[in-house]
Amino acid sequence: MNNKKLTEREIQEKIKKVNGAMAQEGMPLTKELKQKLYNCIIGKSSTEIERQKIIKKYKDIYG
């Protein structure tokens, strides 16, 4: 992503578009997933950090 600062409205619009696309496939975003996406967009987290959290979660469950 570029270094341009997005406004809150632009961020919410991006999340809305992702949610719309996912909803068309029968998988709308949960509040938790929307928050994770928001955190990635604002730089509070990253897709790699979130991916590693998911991998760890399921490794802990399934070994």
PDB file of N, CA and C in Angstrom:
ATOM      1  N   MET A   1       0.854  -1.187   0.000  1.00  0.00           N
ATOM      2  CA  MET A   1       0.000   0.000   0.000  1.00  0.00           C
ATOM      3  C   MET A   1       0.891   1.239   0.000  1.00  0.00           C
ATOM      4  N   ASN A   2       0.387   2.313  -0.563  1.00  0.00           N
ATOM      5  CA  ASN A   2       1.186   3.532  -0.604  1.00  0.00           C
ATOM      6  C   ASN A   2       1.150   4.240   0.751  1.00  0.00           C
ATOM      7  N   ASN A   3       1.900   5.330   0.866  1.00  0.00           N
ATOM      8  CA  ASN A   3       2.019   6.054   2.129  1.00  0.00           C
ATOM      9  C   ASN A   3       0.929   7.101   2.335  1.00  0.00           C
ATOM     10  N   LYS A   4      -0.015   7.198   1.417  1.00  0.00           N
ATOM     11  CA  LYS A   4      -1.085   8.185   1.525  1.00  0.00           C
ATOM     12  C   LYS A   4      -1.960   7.877   2.743  1.00  0.00           C
ATOM     13  N   LYS A   5      -2.203   8.900   3.546  1.00  0.00           N
ATOM     14  CA  LYS A   5      -3.092   8.756   4.692  1.00  0.00           C
ATOM     15  C   LYS A   5      -4.526   8.714   4.196  1.00  0.00           C
ATOM     16  N   LEU A   6      -5.261   7.716   4.631  1.00  0.00           N
ATOM     17  CA  LEU A   6      -6.664   7.609   4.258  1.00  0.00           C
ATOM     18  C   LEU A   6      -7.531   8.272   5.319  1.00  0.00           C
ATOM     19  N   THR A   7      -8.620   8.850   4.871  1.00  0.00           N
ATOM     20  CA  THR A   7      -9.568   9.410   5.828  1.00  0.00           C
ATOM     21  C   THR A   7     -10.386   8.265   6.417  1.00  0.00           C
ATOM     22  N   GLU A   8     -11.043   8.531   7.527  1.00  0.00           N
ATOM     23  CA  GLU A   8     -11.899   7.523   8.149  1.00  0.00           C
ATOM     24  C   GLU A   8     -12.973   7.052   7.164  1.00  0.00           C
ATOM     25  N   ARG A   9     -13.499   7.972   6.419  1.00  0.00           N
ATOM     26  CA  ARG A   9     -14.535   7.628   5.429  1.00  0.00           C
ATOM     27  C   ARG A   9     -13.976   6.674   4.364  1.00  0.00           C
ATOM     28  N   GLU A  10     -12.764   6.947   3.877  1.00  0.00           N
ATOM     29  CA  GLU A  10     -12.145   6.082   2.871  1.00  0.00           C
ATOM     30  C   GLU A  10     -11.881   4.683   3.441  1.00  0.00           C
ATOM     31  N   ILE A  11     -11.436   4.632   4.681  1.00  0.00           N
ATOM     32  CA  ILE A  11     -11.184   3.347   5.334  1.00  0.00           C
ATOM     33  C   ILE A  11     -12.482   2.550   5.438  1.00  0.00           C
ATOM     34  N   GLN A  12     -13.536   3.200   5.905  1.00  0.00           N
ATOM     35  CA  GLN A  12     -14.817   2.518   6.057  1.00  0.00           C
ATOM     36  C   GLN A  12     -15.364   2.068   4.700  1.00  0.00           C
ATOM     37  N   GLU A  13     -15.130   2.853   3.670  1.00  0.00           N
ATOM     38  CA  GLU A  13     -15.575   2.477   2.321  1.00  0.00           C
ATOM     39  C   GLU A  13     -14.837   1.228   1.833  1.00  0.00           C
ATOM     40  N   LYS A  14     -13.530   1.156   2.099  1.00  0.00           N
ATOM     41  CA  LYS A  14     -12.758  -0.034   1.721  1.00  0.00           C
ATOM     42  C   LYS A  14     -13.294  -1.270   2.432  1.00  0.00           C
ATOM     43  N   ILE A  15     -13.554  -1.145   3.718  1.00  0.00           N
ATOM     44  CA  ILE A  15     -14.067  -2.272   4.495  1.00  0.00           C
ATOM     45  C   ILE A  15     -15.452  -2.670   3.975  1.00  0.00           C
ATOM     46  N   LYS A  16     -16.264  -1.685   3.646  1.00  0.00           N
ATOM     47  CA  LYS A  16     -17.607  -1.953   3.115  1.00  0.00           C
ATOM     48  C   LYS A  16     -17.525  -2.728   1.798  1.00  0.00           C
ATOM     49  N   LYS A  17     -16.576  -2.361   0.939  1.00  0.00           N
ATOM     50  CA  LYS A  17     -16.413  -3.051  -0.341  1.00  0.00           C
ATOM     51  C   LYS A  17     -15.970  -4.498  -0.140  1.00  0.00           C
ATOM     52  N   VAL A  18     -15.033  -4.705   0.771  1.00  0.00           N
ATOM     53  CA  VAL A  18     -14.584  -6.072   1.061  1.00  0.00           C
ATOM     54  C   VAL A  18     -15.744  -6.879   1.625  1.00  0.00           C
ATOM     55  N   ASN A  19     -16.484  -6.285   2.558  1.00  0.00           N
ATOM     56  CA  ASN A  19     -17.621  -6.974   3.156  1.00  0.00           C
ATOM     57  C   ASN A  19     -18.666  -7.319   2.090  1.00  0.00           C
ATOM     58  N   GLY A  20     -18.911  -6.419   1.165  1.00  0.00           N
ATOM     59  CA  GLY A  20     -19.873  -6.660   0.094  1.00  0.00           C
ATOM     60  C   GLY A  20     -19.457  -7.823  -0.787  1.00  0.00           C
ATOM     61  N   ALA A  21     -18.176  -7.863  -1.131  1.00  0.00           N
ATOM     62  CA  ALA A  21     -17.670  -8.954  -1.959  1.00  0.00           C
ATOM     63  C   ALA A  21     -17.767 -10.287  -1.220  1.00  0.00           C
ATOM     64  N   MET A  22     -17.420 -10.275   0.043  1.00  0.00           N
ATOM     65  CA  MET A  22     -17.492 -11.505   0.840  1.00  0.00           C
ATOM     66  C   MET A  22     -18.949 -11.932   1.033  1.00  0.00           C
ATOM     67  N   ALA A  23     -19.846 -10.986   1.230  1.00  0.00           N
ATOM     68  CA  ALA A  23     -21.265 -11.302   1.421  1.00  0.00           C
ATOM     69  C   ALA A  23     -21.856 -11.949   0.164  1.00  0.00           C
ATOM     70  N   GLN A  24     -21.389 -11.525  -1.001  1.00  0.00           N
ATOM     71  CA  GLN A  24     -21.865 -12.133  -2.244  1.00  0.00           C
ATOM     72  C   GLN A  24     -21.516 -13.622  -2.299  1.00  0.00           C
ATOM     73  N   GLU A  25     -20.456 -13.996  -1.627  1.00  0.00           N
ATOM     74  CA  GLU A  25     -20.042 -15.405  -1.576  1.00  0.00           C
ATOM     75  C   GLU A  25     -20.623 -16.115  -0.356  1.00  0.00           C
ATOM     76  N   GLY A  26     -21.502 -15.423   0.366  1.00  0.00           N
ATOM     77  CA  GLY A  26     -22.137 -16.020   1.535  1.00  0.00           C
ATOM     78  C   GLY A  26     -21.276 -16.008   2.782  1.00  0.00           C
ATOM     79  N   MET A  27     -20.257 -15.132   2.793  1.00  0.00           N
ATOM     80  CA  MET A  27     -19.338 -15.057   3.924  1.00  0.00           C
ATOM     81  C   MET A  27     -19.122 -13.611   4.373  1.00  0.00           C
ATOM     82  N   PRO A  28     -20.174 -12.949   4.865  1.00  0.00           N
ATOM     83  CA  PRO A  28     -19.977 -11.556   5.300  1.00  0.00           C
ATOM     84  C   PRO A  28     -18.990 -11.491   6.463  1.00  0.00           C
ATOM     85  N   LEU A  29     -18.316 -10.366   6.586  1.00  0.00           N
ATOM     86  CA  LEU A  29     -17.330 -10.182   7.641  1.00  0.00           C
ATOM     87  C   LEU A  29     -17.996 -10.022   8.997  1.00  0.00           C
ATOM     88  N   THR A  30     -17.380 -10.611  10.014  1.00  0.00           N
ATOM     89  CA  THR A  30     -17.834 -10.408  11.385  1.00  0.00           C
ATOM     90  C   THR A  30     -17.267  -9.075  11.884  1.00  0.00           C
ATOM     91  N   LYS A  31     -17.770  -8.615  13.024  1.00  0.00           N
ATOM     92  CA  LYS A  31     -17.225  -7.389  13.620  1.00  0.00           C
ATOM     93  C   LYS A  31     -15.738  -7.564  13.907  1.00  0.00           C
ATOM     94  N   GLU A  32     -15.367  -8.754  14.369  1.00  0.00           N
ATOM     95  CA  GLU A  32     -13.966  -9.031  14.686  1.00  0.00           C
ATOM     96  C   GLU A  32     -13.092  -8.935  13.433  1.00  0.00           C
ATOM     97  N   LEU A  33     -13.551  -9.509  12.330  1.00  0.00           N
ATOM     98  CA  LEU A  33     -12.768  -9.438  11.095  1.00  0.00           C
ATOM     99  C   LEU A  33     -12.700  -8.012  10.545  1.00  0.00           C
ATOM    100  N   LYS A  34     -13.784  -7.276  10.677  1.00  0.00           N
ATOM    101  CA  LYS A  34     -13.768  -5.876  10.236  1.00  0.00           C
ATOM    102  C   LYS A  34     -12.754  -5.078  11.049  1.00  0.00           C
ATOM    103  N   GLN A  35     -12.668  -5.357  12.359  1.00  0.00           N
ATOM    104  CA  GLN A  35     -11.708  -4.658  13.212  1.00  0.00           C
ATOM    105  C   GLN A  35     -10.280  -5.015  12.830  1.00  0.00           C
ATOM    106  N   LYS A  36     -10.030  -6.294  12.533  1.00  0.00           N
ATOM    107  CA  LYS A  36      -8.687  -6.705  12.105  1.00  0.00           C
ATOM    108  C   LYS A  36      -8.306  -6.033  10.795  1.00  0.00           C
ATOM    109  N   LEU A  37      -9.243  -5.967   9.864  1.00  0.00           N
ATOM    110  CA  LEU A  37      -9.006  -5.303   8.594  1.00  0.00           C
ATOM    111  C   LEU A  37      -8.712  -3.823   8.811  1.00  0.00           C
ATOM    112  N   TYR A  38      -9.502  -3.189   9.674  1.00  0.00           N
ATOM    113  CA  TYR A  38      -9.303  -1.777  10.010  1.00  0.00           C
ATOM    114  C   TYR A  38      -7.897  -1.563  10.580  1.00  0.00           C
ATOM    115  N   ASN A  39      -7.497  -2.426  11.511  1.00  0.00           N
ATOM    116  CA  ASN A  39      -6.172  -2.302  12.125  1.00  0.00           C
ATOM    117  C   ASN A  39      -5.058  -2.447  11.091  1.00  0.00           C
ATOM    118  N   CYS A  40      -5.252  -3.322  10.113  1.00  0.00           N
ATOM    119  CA  CYS A  40      -4.249  -3.473   9.058  1.00  0.00           C
ATOM    120  C   CYS A  40      -4.187  -2.219   8.188  1.00  0.00           C
ATOM    121  N   ILE A  41      -5.327  -1.665   7.867  1.00  0.00           N
ATOM    122  CA  ILE A  41      -5.363  -0.473   7.010  1.00  0.00           C
ATOM    123  C   ILE A  41      -4.695   0.716   7.691  1.00  0.00           C
ATOM    124  N   ILE A  42      -4.938   0.894   8.992  1.00  0.00           N
ATOM    125  CA  ILE A  42      -4.362   2.060   9.676  1.00  0.00           C
ATOM    126  C   ILE A  42      -2.922   1.833  10.115  1.00  0.00           C
ATOM    127  N   GLY A  43      -2.423   0.606   9.965  1.00  0.00           N
ATOM    128  CA  GLY A  43      -1.032   0.328  10.313  1.00  0.00           C
ATOM    129  C   GLY A  43      -0.831  -0.153  11.738  1.00  0.00           C
ATOM    130  N   LYS A  44      -1.892  -0.376  12.463  1.00  0.00           N
ATOM    131  CA  LYS A  44      -1.792  -0.870  13.834  1.00  0.00           C
ATOM    132  C   LYS A  44      -1.365  -2.343  13.842  1.00  0.00           C
ATOM    133  N   SER A  45      -1.668  -3.036  12.766  1.00  0.00           N
ATOM    134  CA  SER A  45      -1.286  -4.436  12.590  1.00  0.00           C
ATOM    135  C   SER A  45      -0.898  -4.598  11.124  1.00  0.00           C
ATOM    136  N   SER A  46      -0.612  -5.821  10.738  1.00  0.00           N
ATOM    137  CA  SER A  46      -0.313  -6.085   9.328  1.00  0.00           C
ATOM    138  C   SER A  46      -0.934  -7.418   8.947  1.00  0.00           C
ATOM    139  N   THR A  47      -1.062  -7.636   7.658  1.00  0.00           N
ATOM    140  CA  THR A  47      -1.628  -8.907   7.210  1.00  0.00           C
ATOM    141  C   THR A  47      -0.736 -10.064   7.641  1.00  0.00           C
ATOM    142  N   GLU A  48       0.556  -9.858   7.664  1.00  0.00           N
ATOM    143  CA  GLU A  48       1.472 -10.928   8.085  1.00  0.00           C
ATOM    144  C   GLU A  48       1.292 -11.247   9.566  1.00  0.00           C
ATOM    145  N   ILE A  49       1.157 -10.250  10.398  1.00  0.00           N
ATOM    146  CA  ILE A  49       0.927 -10.472  11.830  1.00  0.00           C
ATOM    147  C   ILE A  49      -0.374 -11.232  12.038  1.00  0.00           C
ATOM    148  N   GLU A  50      -1.440 -10.806  11.363  1.00  0.00           N
ATOM    149  CA  GLU A  50      -2.739 -11.478  11.513  1.00  0.00           C
ATOM    150  C   GLU A  50      -2.674 -12.908  10.996  1.00  0.00           C
ATOM    151  N   ARG A  51      -1.952 -13.122   9.900  1.00  0.00           N
ATOM    152  CA  ARG A  51      -1.791 -14.468   9.350  1.00  0.00           C
ATOM    153  C   ARG A  51      -1.069 -15.376  10.335  1.00  0.00           C
ATOM    154  N   GLN A  52      -0.015 -14.864  10.962  1.00  0.00           N
ATOM    155  CA  GLN A  52       0.728 -15.656  11.938  1.00  0.00           C
ATOM    156  C   GLN A  52      -0.126 -15.992  13.157  1.00  0.00           C
ATOM    157  N   LYS A  53      -0.984 -15.081  13.576  1.00  0.00           N
ATOM    158  CA  LYS A  53      -1.898 -15.347  14.702  1.00  0.00           C
ATOM    159  C   LYS A  53      -2.828 -16.515  14.374  1.00  0.00           C
ATOM    160  N   ILE A  54      -3.355 -16.527  13.142  1.00  0.00           N
ATOM    161  CA  ILE A  54      -4.259 -17.605  12.734  1.00  0.00           C
ATOM    162  C   ILE A  54      -3.514 -18.934  12.669  1.00  0.00           C
ATOM    163  N   ILE A  55      -2.311 -18.931  12.110  1.00  0.00           N
ATOM    164  CA  ILE A  55      -1.512 -20.158  12.034  1.00  0.00           C
ATOM    165  C   ILE A  55      -1.237 -20.688  13.430  1.00  0.00           C
ATOM    166  N   LYS A  56      -0.843 -19.812  14.346  1.00  0.00           N
ATOM    167  CA  LYS A  56      -0.569 -20.233  15.727  1.00  0.00           C
ATOM    168  C   LYS A  56      -1.824 -20.800  16.385  1.00  0.00           C
ATOM    169  N   LYS A  57      -2.948 -20.123  16.195  1.00  0.00           N
ATOM    170  CA  LYS A  57      -4.202 -20.580  16.794  1.00  0.00           C
ATOM    171  C   LYS A  57      -4.511 -22.015  16.380  1.00  0.00           C
ATOM    172  N   TYR A  58      -4.420 -22.305  15.114  1.00  0.00           N
ATOM    173  CA  TYR A  58      -4.781 -23.637  14.648  1.00  0.00           C
ATOM    174  C   TYR A  58      -3.699 -24.675  14.906  1.00  0.00           C
ATOM    175  N   LYS A  59      -2.439 -24.260  14.985  1.00  0.00           N
ATOM    176  CA  LYS A  59      -1.387 -25.189  15.411  1.00  0.00           C
ATOM    177  C   LYS A  59      -1.600 -25.595  16.849  1.00  0.00           C
ATOM    178  N   ASP A  60      -1.998 -24.624  17.692  1.00  0.00           N
ATOM    179  CA  ASP A  60      -2.264 -24.925  19.108  1.00  0.00           C
ATOM    180  C   ASP A  60      -3.446 -25.884  19.233  1.00  0.00           C
ATOM    181  N   ILE A  61      -4.433 -25.749  18.372  1.00  0.00           N
ATOM    182  CA  ILE A  61      -5.616 -26.606  18.437  1.00  0.00           C
ATOM    183  C   ILE A  61      -5.314 -27.990  17.871  1.00  0.00           C
ATOM    184  N   TYR A  62      -4.708 -28.054  16.702  1.00  0.00           N
ATOM    185  CA  TYR A  62      -4.556 -29.309  15.980  1.00  0.00           C
ATOM    186  C   TYR A  62      -3.148 -29.916  15.972  1.00  0.00           C
ATOM    187  N   GLY A  63      -2.192 -29.162  16.528  1.00  0.00           N
ATOM    188  CA  GLY A  63      -0.841 -29.702  16.620  1.00  0.00           C
ATOM    189  C   GLY A  63       0.011 -29.498  15.474  1.00  0.00           C
TER     190      GLY A  63
END
